[in-house]
Amino acid sequence: PILPLLELDLLNTTVGGLQKYVNKFFEKLDL
């Protein structure tokens, strides 16, 4: 996955914000 390191809003530009993004990615592709 191309992690949106510089695309998230500033509030979610955190390790936790990225983790939530990848969890949704796993759910979306049902990995």
PDB file of all heavy atoms in Angstrom:
ATOM      1  N   PRO A   1       0.844  -1.201   0.000  1.00  0.00           N
ATOM      2  CA  PRO A   1       0.000   0.000   0.000  1.00  0.00           C
ATOM      3  C   PRO A   1       0.879   1.251   0.000  1.00  0.00           C
ATOM      4  O   PRO A   1       1.933   1.273   0.639  1.00  0.00           O
ATOM      5  CB  PRO A   1      -0.781  -0.118   1.319  1.00  0.00           C
ATOM      6  CG  PRO A   1       0.052  -0.986   2.191  1.00  0.00           C
ATOM      7  CD  PRO A   1       0.840  -1.896   1.285  1.00  0.00           C
ATOM      8  N   ILE A   2       0.459   2.244  -0.753  1.00  0.00           N
ATOM      9  CA  ILE A   2       1.171   3.530  -0.727  1.00  0.00           C
ATOM     10  C   ILE A   2       0.611   4.312   0.454  1.00  0.00           C
ATOM     11  O   ILE A   2      -0.546   4.758   0.439  1.00  0.00           O
ATOM     12  CB  ILE A   2       0.992   4.281  -2.061  1.00  0.00           C
ATOM     13  CG1 ILE A   2       1.596   3.429  -3.186  1.00  0.00           C
ATOM     14  CG2 ILE A   2       1.646   5.650  -2.000  1.00  0.00           C
ATOM     15  CD1 ILE A   2       1.306   3.931  -4.582  1.00  0.00           C
ATOM     16  N   LEU A   3       1.412   4.420   1.505  1.00  0.00           N
ATOM     17  CA  LEU A   3       0.929   5.056   2.734  1.00  0.00           C
ATOM     18  C   LEU A   3       0.801   6.566   2.519  1.00  0.00           C
ATOM     19  O   LEU A   3       1.717   7.201   1.988  1.00  0.00           O
ATOM     20  CB  LEU A   3       1.891   4.762   3.897  1.00  0.00           C
ATOM     21  CG  LEU A   3       2.109   3.284   4.228  1.00  0.00           C
ATOM     22  CD1 LEU A   3       3.060   3.137   5.406  1.00  0.00           C
ATOM     23  CD2 LEU A   3       0.797   2.574   4.533  1.00  0.00           C
ATOM     24  N   PRO A   4      -0.326   7.147   2.949  1.00  0.00           N
ATOM     25  CA  PRO A   4      -0.568   8.577   2.704  1.00  0.00           C
ATOM     26  C   PRO A   4       0.135   9.441   3.756  1.00  0.00           C
ATOM     27  O   PRO A   4      -0.500  10.186   4.503  1.00  0.00           O
ATOM     28  CB  PRO A   4      -2.092   8.678   2.826  1.00  0.00           C
ATOM     29  CG  PRO A   4      -2.440   7.635   3.850  1.00  0.00           C
ATOM     30  CD  PRO A   4      -1.450   6.511   3.662  1.00  0.00           C
ATOM     31  N   LEU A   5       1.459   9.329   3.807  1.00  0.00           N
ATOM     32  CA  LEU A   5       2.222   9.989   4.871  1.00  0.00           C
ATOM     33  C   LEU A   5       2.005  11.495   4.891  1.00  0.00           C
ATOM     34  O   LEU A   5       1.959  12.108   5.953  1.00  0.00           O
ATOM     35  CB  LEU A   5       3.717   9.704   4.681  1.00  0.00           C
ATOM     36  CG  LEU A   5       4.129   8.232   4.694  1.00  0.00           C
ATOM     37  CD1 LEU A   5       5.609   8.091   4.390  1.00  0.00           C
ATOM     38  CD2 LEU A   5       3.807   7.586   6.028  1.00  0.00           C
ATOM     39  N   LEU A   6       1.871  12.079   3.715  1.00  0.00           N
ATOM     40  CA  LEU A   6       1.779  13.536   3.640  1.00  0.00           C
ATOM     41  C   LEU A   6       0.422  13.992   3.099  1.00  0.00           C
ATOM     42  O   LEU A   6       0.243  15.150   2.771  1.00  0.00           O
ATOM     43  CB  LEU A   6       2.914  14.080   2.765  1.00  0.00           C
ATOM     44  CG  LEU A   6       4.316  13.633   3.204  1.00  0.00           C
ATOM     45  CD1 LEU A   6       5.373  14.064   2.207  1.00  0.00           C
ATOM     46  CD2 LEU A   6       4.647  14.158   4.589  1.00  0.00           C
ATOM     47  N   GLU A   7      -0.541  13.055   3.048  1.00  0.00           N
ATOM     48  CA  GLU A   7      -1.862  13.390   2.490  1.00  0.00           C
ATOM     49  C   GLU A   7      -2.957  13.468   3.554  1.00  0.00           C
ATOM     50  O   GLU A   7      -4.024  14.002   3.299  1.00  0.00           O
ATOM     51  CB  GLU A   7      -2.284  12.352   1.438  1.00  0.00           C
ATOM     52  CG  GLU A   7      -1.605  12.520   0.083  1.00  0.00           C
ATOM     53  CD  GLU A   7      -0.205  11.950   0.069  1.00  0.00           C
ATOM     54  OE1 GLU A   7      -0.056  10.782   0.442  1.00  0.00           O
ATOM     55  OE2 GLU A   7       0.736  12.682  -0.290  1.00  0.00           O
ATOM     56  N   LEU A   8      -2.708  12.883   4.727  1.00  0.00           N
ATOM     57  CA  LEU A   8      -3.731  12.924   5.777  1.00  0.00           C
ATOM     58  C   LEU A   8      -3.824  14.340   6.337  1.00  0.00           C
ATOM     59  O   LEU A   8      -2.867  15.114   6.252  1.00  0.00           O
ATOM     60  CB  LEU A   8      -3.362  11.955   6.912  1.00  0.00           C
ATOM     61  CG  LEU A   8      -3.322  10.464   6.557  1.00  0.00           C
ATOM     62  CD1 LEU A   8      -2.761   9.664   7.722  1.00  0.00           C
ATOM     63  CD2 LEU A   8      -4.709   9.949   6.196  1.00  0.00           C
ATOM     64  N   ASP A   9      -5.003  14.685   6.921  1.00  0.00           N
ATOM     65  CA  ASP A   9      -5.079  15.994   7.574  1.00  0.00           C
ATOM     66  C   ASP A   9      -4.142  15.976   8.781  1.00  0.00           C
ATOM     67  O   ASP A   9      -3.788  14.909   9.306  1.00  0.00           O
ATOM     68  CB  ASP A   9      -6.519  16.315   7.977  1.00  0.00           C
ATOM     69  CG  ASP A   9      -7.066  15.333   8.989  1.00  0.00           C
ATOM     70  OD1 ASP A   9      -6.666  15.413  10.167  1.00  0.00           O
ATOM     71  OD2 ASP A   9      -7.878  14.469   8.607  1.00  0.00           O
ATOM     72  N   LEU A  10      -3.750  17.161   9.236  1.00  0.00           N
ATOM     73  CA  LEU A  10      -2.696  17.264  10.244  1.00  0.00           C
ATOM     74  C   LEU A  10      -3.044  16.518  11.531  1.00  0.00           C
ATOM     75  O   LEU A  10      -2.174  15.903  12.157  1.00  0.00           O
ATOM     76  CB  LEU A  10      -2.407  18.736  10.545  1.00  0.00           C
ATOM     77  CG  LEU A  10      -1.031  19.050  11.135  1.00  0.00           C
ATOM     78  CD1 LEU A  10       0.098  18.420  10.346  1.00  0.00           C
ATOM     79  CD2 LEU A  10      -0.833  20.547  11.254  1.00  0.00           C
ATOM     80  N   LEU A  11      -4.304  16.527  11.895  1.00  0.00           N
ATOM     81  CA  LEU A  11      -4.741  15.848  13.120  1.00  0.00           C
ATOM     82  C   LEU A  11      -4.465  14.344  13.068  1.00  0.00           C
ATOM     83  O   LEU A  11      -4.148  13.721  14.077  1.00  0.00           O
ATOM     84  CB  LEU A  11      -6.248  16.098  13.331  1.00  0.00           C
ATOM     85  CG  LEU A  11      -6.828  15.685  14.676  1.00  0.00           C
ATOM     86  CD1 LEU A  11      -6.225  16.517  15.804  1.00  0.00           C
ATOM     87  CD2 LEU A  11      -8.341  15.820  14.677  1.00  0.00           C
ATOM     88  N   ASN A  12      -4.586  13.762  11.871  1.00  0.00           N
ATOM     89  CA  ASN A  12      -4.384  12.315  11.710  1.00  0.00           C
ATOM     90  C   ASN A  12      -3.005  11.949  11.158  1.00  0.00           C
ATOM     91  O   ASN A  12      -2.752  10.796  10.829  1.00  0.00           O
ATOM     92  CB  ASN A  12      -5.473  11.738  10.797  1.00  0.00           C
ATOM     93  CG  ASN A  12      -6.820  11.723  11.492  1.00  0.00           C
ATOM     94  OD1 ASN A  12      -6.966  11.113  12.548  1.00  0.00           O
ATOM     95  ND2 ASN A  12      -7.792  12.418  10.936  1.00  0.00           N
ATOM     96  N   THR A  13      -2.119  12.953  11.052  1.00  0.00           N
ATOM     97  CA  THR A  13      -0.763  12.682  10.583  1.00  0.00           C
ATOM     98  C   THR A  13       0.056  12.172  11.768  1.00  0.00           C
ATOM     99  O   THR A  13       0.898  12.857  12.334  1.00  0.00           O
ATOM    100  CB  THR A  13      -0.152  13.952   9.941  1.00  0.00           C
ATOM    101  OG1 THR A  13      -1.009  14.360   8.874  1.00  0.00           O
ATOM    102  CG2 THR A  13       1.225  13.689   9.357  1.00  0.00           C
ATOM    103  N   THR A  14      -0.280  10.948  12.171  1.00  0.00           N
ATOM    104  CA  THR A  14       0.319  10.299  13.335  1.00  0.00           C
ATOM    105  C   THR A  14       0.480   8.808  13.021  1.00  0.00           C
ATOM    106  O   THR A  14      -0.097   8.309  12.044  1.00  0.00           O
ATOM    107  CB  THR A  14      -0.603  10.424  14.568  1.00  0.00           C
ATOM    108  OG1 THR A  14      -1.859   9.786  14.253  1.00  0.00           O
ATOM    109  CG2 THR A  14      -0.853  11.872  14.958  1.00  0.00           C
ATOM    110  N   VAL A  15       1.208   8.109  13.873  1.00  0.00           N
ATOM    111  CA  VAL A  15       1.321   6.656  13.733  1.00  0.00           C
ATOM    112  C   VAL A  15      -0.064   6.029  13.828  1.00  0.00           C
ATOM    113  O   VAL A  15      -0.429   5.150  13.043  1.00  0.00           O
ATOM    114  CB  VAL A  15       2.268   6.077  14.817  1.00  0.00           C
ATOM    115  CG1 VAL A  15       2.262   4.563  14.780  1.00  0.00           C
ATOM    116  CG2 VAL A  15       3.685   6.602  14.619  1.00  0.00           C
ATOM    117  N   GLY A  16      -0.873   6.506  14.783  1.00  0.00           N
ATOM    118  CA  GLY A  16      -2.239   5.990  14.957  1.00  0.00           C
ATOM    119  C   GLY A  16      -3.118   6.251  13.750  1.00  0.00           C
ATOM    120  O   GLY A  16      -3.916   5.392  13.347  1.00  0.00           O
ATOM    121  N   GLY A  17      -2.971   7.422  13.139  1.00  0.00           N
ATOM    122  CA  GLY A  17      -3.749   7.756  11.942  1.00  0.00           C
ATOM    123  C   GLY A  17      -3.406   6.848  10.781  1.00  0.00           C
ATOM    124  O   GLY A  17      -4.284   6.389  10.034  1.00  0.00           O
ATOM    125  N   LEU A  18      -2.121   6.546  10.626  1.00  0.00           N
ATOM    126  CA  LEU A  18      -1.684   5.630   9.560  1.00  0.00           C
ATOM    127  C   LEU A  18      -2.179   4.219   9.830  1.00  0.00           C
ATOM    128  O   LEU A  18      -2.581   3.503   8.909  1.00  0.00           O
ATOM    129  CB  LEU A  18      -0.159   5.637   9.451  1.00  0.00           C
ATOM    130  CG  LEU A  18       0.457   6.912   8.864  1.00  0.00           C
ATOM    131  CD1 LEU A  18       1.971   6.903   9.036  1.00  0.00           C
ATOM    132  CD2 LEU A  18       0.102   7.073   7.388  1.00  0.00           C
ATOM    133  N   GLN A  19      -2.160   3.808  11.101  1.00  0.00           N
ATOM    134  CA  GLN A  19      -2.647   2.463  11.446  1.00  0.00           C
ATOM    135  C   GLN A  19      -4.134   2.321  11.100  1.00  0.00           C
ATOM    136  O   GLN A  19      -4.551   1.289  10.564  1.00  0.00           O
ATOM    137  CB  GLN A  19      -2.399   2.190  12.938  1.00  0.00           C
ATOM    138  CG  GLN A  19      -2.877   0.830  13.412  1.00  0.00           C
ATOM    139  CD  GLN A  19      -4.351   0.836  13.835  1.00  0.00           C
ATOM    140  OE1 GLN A  19      -4.802   1.775  14.487  1.00  0.00           O
ATOM    141  NE2 GLN A  19      -5.083  -0.194  13.461  1.00  0.00           N
ATOM    142  N   LYS A  20      -4.916   3.340  11.377  1.00  0.00           N
ATOM    143  CA  LYS A  20      -6.351   3.277  11.042  1.00  0.00           C
ATOM    144  C   LYS A  20      -6.532   3.157   9.525  1.00  0.00           C
ATOM    145  O   LYS A  20      -7.414   2.436   9.046  1.00  0.00           O
ATOM    146  CB  LYS A  20      -7.062   4.526  11.564  1.00  0.00           C
ATOM    147  CG  LYS A  20      -7.264   4.483  13.078  1.00  0.00           C
ATOM    148  CD  LYS A  20      -7.860   5.783  13.601  1.00  0.00           C
ATOM    149  CE  LYS A  20      -7.911   5.746  15.121  1.00  0.00           C
ATOM    150  NZ  LYS A  20      -7.975   7.089  15.696  1.00  0.00           N
ATOM    151  N   TYR A  21      -5.692   3.866   8.778  1.00  0.00           N
ATOM    152  CA  TYR A  21      -5.745   3.810   7.319  1.00  0.00           C
ATOM    153  C   TYR A  21      -5.453   2.392   6.822  1.00  0.00           C
ATOM    154  O   TYR A  21      -6.187   1.847   6.002  1.00  0.00           O
ATOM    155  CB  TYR A  21      -4.746   4.814   6.739  1.00  0.00           C
ATOM    156  CG  TYR A  21      -4.638   4.784   5.232  1.00  0.00           C
ATOM    157  CD1 TYR A  21      -5.449   5.606   4.443  1.00  0.00           C
ATOM    158  CD2 TYR A  21      -3.727   3.945   4.581  1.00  0.00           C
ATOM    159  CE1 TYR A  21      -5.355   5.579   3.052  1.00  0.00           C
ATOM    160  CE2 TYR A  21      -3.634   3.911   3.202  1.00  0.00           C
ATOM    161  CZ  TYR A  21      -4.449   4.731   2.440  1.00  0.00           C
ATOM    162  OH  TYR A  21      -4.364   4.702   1.076  1.00  0.00           O
ATOM    163  N   VAL A  22      -4.379   1.765   7.346  1.00  0.00           N
ATOM    164  CA  VAL A  22      -4.025   0.432   6.845  1.00  0.00           C
ATOM    165  C   VAL A  22      -5.040  -0.622   7.295  1.00  0.00           C
ATOM    166  O   VAL A  22      -5.300  -1.588   6.567  1.00  0.00           O
ATOM    167  CB  VAL A  22      -2.578  -0.003   7.223  1.00  0.00           C
ATOM    168  CG1 VAL A  22      -1.567   0.948   6.638  1.00  0.00           C
ATOM    169  CG2 VAL A  22      -2.387  -0.132   8.710  1.00  0.00           C
ATOM    170  N   ASN A  23      -5.649  -0.406   8.446  1.00  0.00           N
ATOM    171  CA  ASN A  23      -6.679  -1.356   8.886  1.00  0.00           C
ATOM    172  C   ASN A  23      -7.880  -1.316   7.935  1.00  0.00           C
ATOM    173  O   ASN A  23      -8.423  -2.366   7.569  1.00  0.00           O
ATOM    174  CB  ASN A  23      -7.116  -1.053  10.318  1.00  0.00           C
ATOM    175  CG  ASN A  23      -7.990  -2.150  10.883  1.00  0.00           C
ATOM    176  OD1 ASN A  23      -7.599  -3.311  10.929  1.00  0.00           O
ATOM    177  ND2 ASN A  23      -9.207  -1.810  11.282  1.00  0.00           N
ATOM    178  N   LYS A  24      -8.256  -0.111   7.514  1.00  0.00           N
ATOM    179  CA  LYS A  24      -9.356   0.017   6.534  1.00  0.00           C
ATOM    180  C   LYS A  24      -8.963  -0.606   5.196  1.00  0.00           C
ATOM    181  O   LYS A  24      -9.795  -1.183   4.496  1.00  0.00           O
ATOM    182  CB  LYS A  24      -9.725   1.495   6.351  1.00  0.00           C
ATOM    183  CG  LYS A  24     -10.512   2.051   7.531  1.00  0.00           C
ATOM    184  CD  LYS A  24     -10.775   3.545   7.360  1.00  0.00           C
ATOM    185  CE  LYS A  24     -11.447   4.102   8.608  1.00  0.00           C
ATOM    186  NZ  LYS A  24     -11.347   5.573   8.670  1.00  0.00           N
ATOM    187  N   PHE A  25      -7.695  -0.473   4.850  1.00  0.00           N
ATOM    188  CA  PHE A  25      -7.175  -1.079   3.614  1.00  0.00           C
ATOM    189  C   PHE A  25      -7.288  -2.607   3.682  1.00  0.00           C
ATOM    190  O   PHE A  25      -7.763  -3.246   2.744  1.00  0.00           O
ATOM    191  CB  PHE A  25      -5.711  -0.649   3.419  1.00  0.00           C
ATOM    192  CG  PHE A  25      -5.018  -1.329   2.264  1.00  0.00           C
ATOM    193  CD1 PHE A  25      -5.357  -1.016   0.954  1.00  0.00           C
ATOM    194  CD2 PHE A  25      -4.016  -2.270   2.484  1.00  0.00           C
ATOM    195  CE1 PHE A  25      -4.713  -1.635  -0.116  1.00  0.00           C
ATOM    196  CE2 PHE A  25      -3.368  -2.895   1.431  1.00  0.00           C
ATOM    197  CZ  PHE A  25      -3.722  -2.571   0.118  1.00  0.00           C
ATOM    198  N   PHE A  26      -6.890  -3.198   4.806  1.00  0.00           N
ATOM    199  CA  PHE A  26      -7.005  -4.650   4.982  1.00  0.00           C
ATOM    200  C   PHE A  26      -8.455  -5.094   4.893  1.00  0.00           C
ATOM    201  O   PHE A  26      -8.770  -6.129   4.296  1.00  0.00           O
ATOM    202  CB  PHE A  26      -6.418  -5.079   6.332  1.00  0.00           C
ATOM    203  CG  PHE A  26      -4.914  -5.017   6.413  1.00  0.00           C
ATOM    204  CD1 PHE A  26      -4.273  -5.174   7.636  1.00  0.00           C
ATOM    205  CD2 PHE A  26      -4.135  -4.807   5.289  1.00  0.00           C
ATOM    206  CE1 PHE A  26      -2.882  -5.129   7.726  1.00  0.00           C
ATOM    207  CE2 PHE A  26      -2.750  -4.760   5.367  1.00  0.00           C
ATOM    208  CZ  PHE A  26      -2.127  -4.920   6.594  1.00  0.00           C
ATOM    209  N   GLU A  27      -9.346  -4.314   5.503  1.00  0.00           N
ATOM    210  CA  GLU A  27     -10.781  -4.651   5.464  1.00  0.00           C
ATOM    211  C   GLU A  27     -11.321  -4.547   4.040  1.00  0.00           C
ATOM    212  O   GLU A  27     -12.076  -5.403   3.591  1.00  0.00           O
ATOM    213  CB  GLU A  27     -11.560  -3.712   6.401  1.00  0.00           C
ATOM    214  CG  GLU A  27     -11.335  -4.007   7.876  1.00  0.00           C
ATOM    215  CD  GLU A  27     -11.985  -2.992   8.799  1.00  0.00           C
ATOM    216  OE1 GLU A  27     -12.453  -1.925   8.291  1.00  0.00           O
ATOM    217  OE2 GLU A  27     -12.038  -3.245  10.017  1.00  0.00           O
ATOM    218  N   LYS A  28     -10.925  -3.493   3.337  1.00  0.00           N
ATOM    219  CA  LYS A  28     -11.421  -3.253   1.979  1.00  0.00           C
ATOM    220  C   LYS A  28     -11.042  -4.409   1.039  1.00  0.00           C
ATOM    221  O   LYS A  28     -11.848  -4.863   0.235  1.00  0.00           O
ATOM    222  CB  LYS A  28     -10.849  -1.939   1.443  1.00  0.00           C
ATOM    223  CG  LYS A  28     -11.396  -1.503   0.098  1.00  0.00           C
ATOM    224  CD  LYS A  28     -12.796  -0.944   0.241  1.00  0.00           C
ATOM    225  CE  LYS A  28     -13.374  -0.505  -1.074  1.00  0.00           C
ATOM    226  NZ  LYS A  28     -14.800  -0.166  -0.967  1.00  0.00           N
ATOM    227  N   LEU A  29      -9.785  -4.877   1.167  1.00  0.00           N
ATOM    228  CA  LEU A  29      -9.324  -5.972   0.301  1.00  0.00           C
ATOM    229  C   LEU A  29      -9.572  -7.342   0.931  1.00  0.00           C
ATOM    230  O   LEU A  29      -9.266  -8.362   0.333  1.00  0.00           O
ATOM    231  CB  LEU A  29      -7.825  -5.814   0.002  1.00  0.00           C
ATOM    232  CG  LEU A  29      -7.477  -5.010  -1.267  1.00  0.00           C
ATOM    233  CD1 LEU A  29      -7.925  -3.559  -1.146  1.00  0.00           C
ATOM    234  CD2 LEU A  29      -5.993  -5.068  -1.557  1.00  0.00           C
ATOM    235  N   ASP A  30     -10.144  -7.332   2.143  1.00  0.00           N
ATOM    236  CA  ASP A  30     -10.415  -8.560   2.902  1.00  0.00           C
ATOM    237  C   ASP A  30      -9.173  -9.452   2.974  1.00  0.00           C
ATOM    238  O   ASP A  30      -9.203 -10.635   2.646  1.00  0.00           O
ATOM    239  CB  ASP A  30     -11.605  -9.326   2.295  1.00  0.00           C
ATOM    240  CG  ASP A  30     -12.124 -10.403   3.260  1.00  0.00           C
ATOM    241  OD1 ASP A  30     -11.940 -10.237   4.478  1.00  0.00           O
ATOM    242  OD2 ASP A  30     -12.677 -11.408   2.784  1.00  0.00           O
ATOM    243  N   LEU A  31      -8.088  -8.864   3.431  1.00  0.00           N
ATOM    244  CA  LEU A  31      -6.825  -9.592   3.539  1.00  0.00           C
ATOM    245  C   LEU A  31      -6.752 -10.318   4.879  1.00  0.00           C
ATOM    246  O   LEU A  31      -7.019  -9.736   5.921  1.00  0.00           O
ATOM    247  CB  LEU A  31      -5.639  -8.624   3.399  1.00  0.00           C
ATOM    248  CG  LEU A  31      -5.566  -7.826   2.096  1.00  0.00           C
ATOM    249  CD1 LEU A  31      -4.378  -6.883   2.110  1.00  0.00           C
ATOM    250  CD2 LEU A  31      -5.496  -8.750   0.883  1.00  0.00           C
TER     251      LEU A  31
END
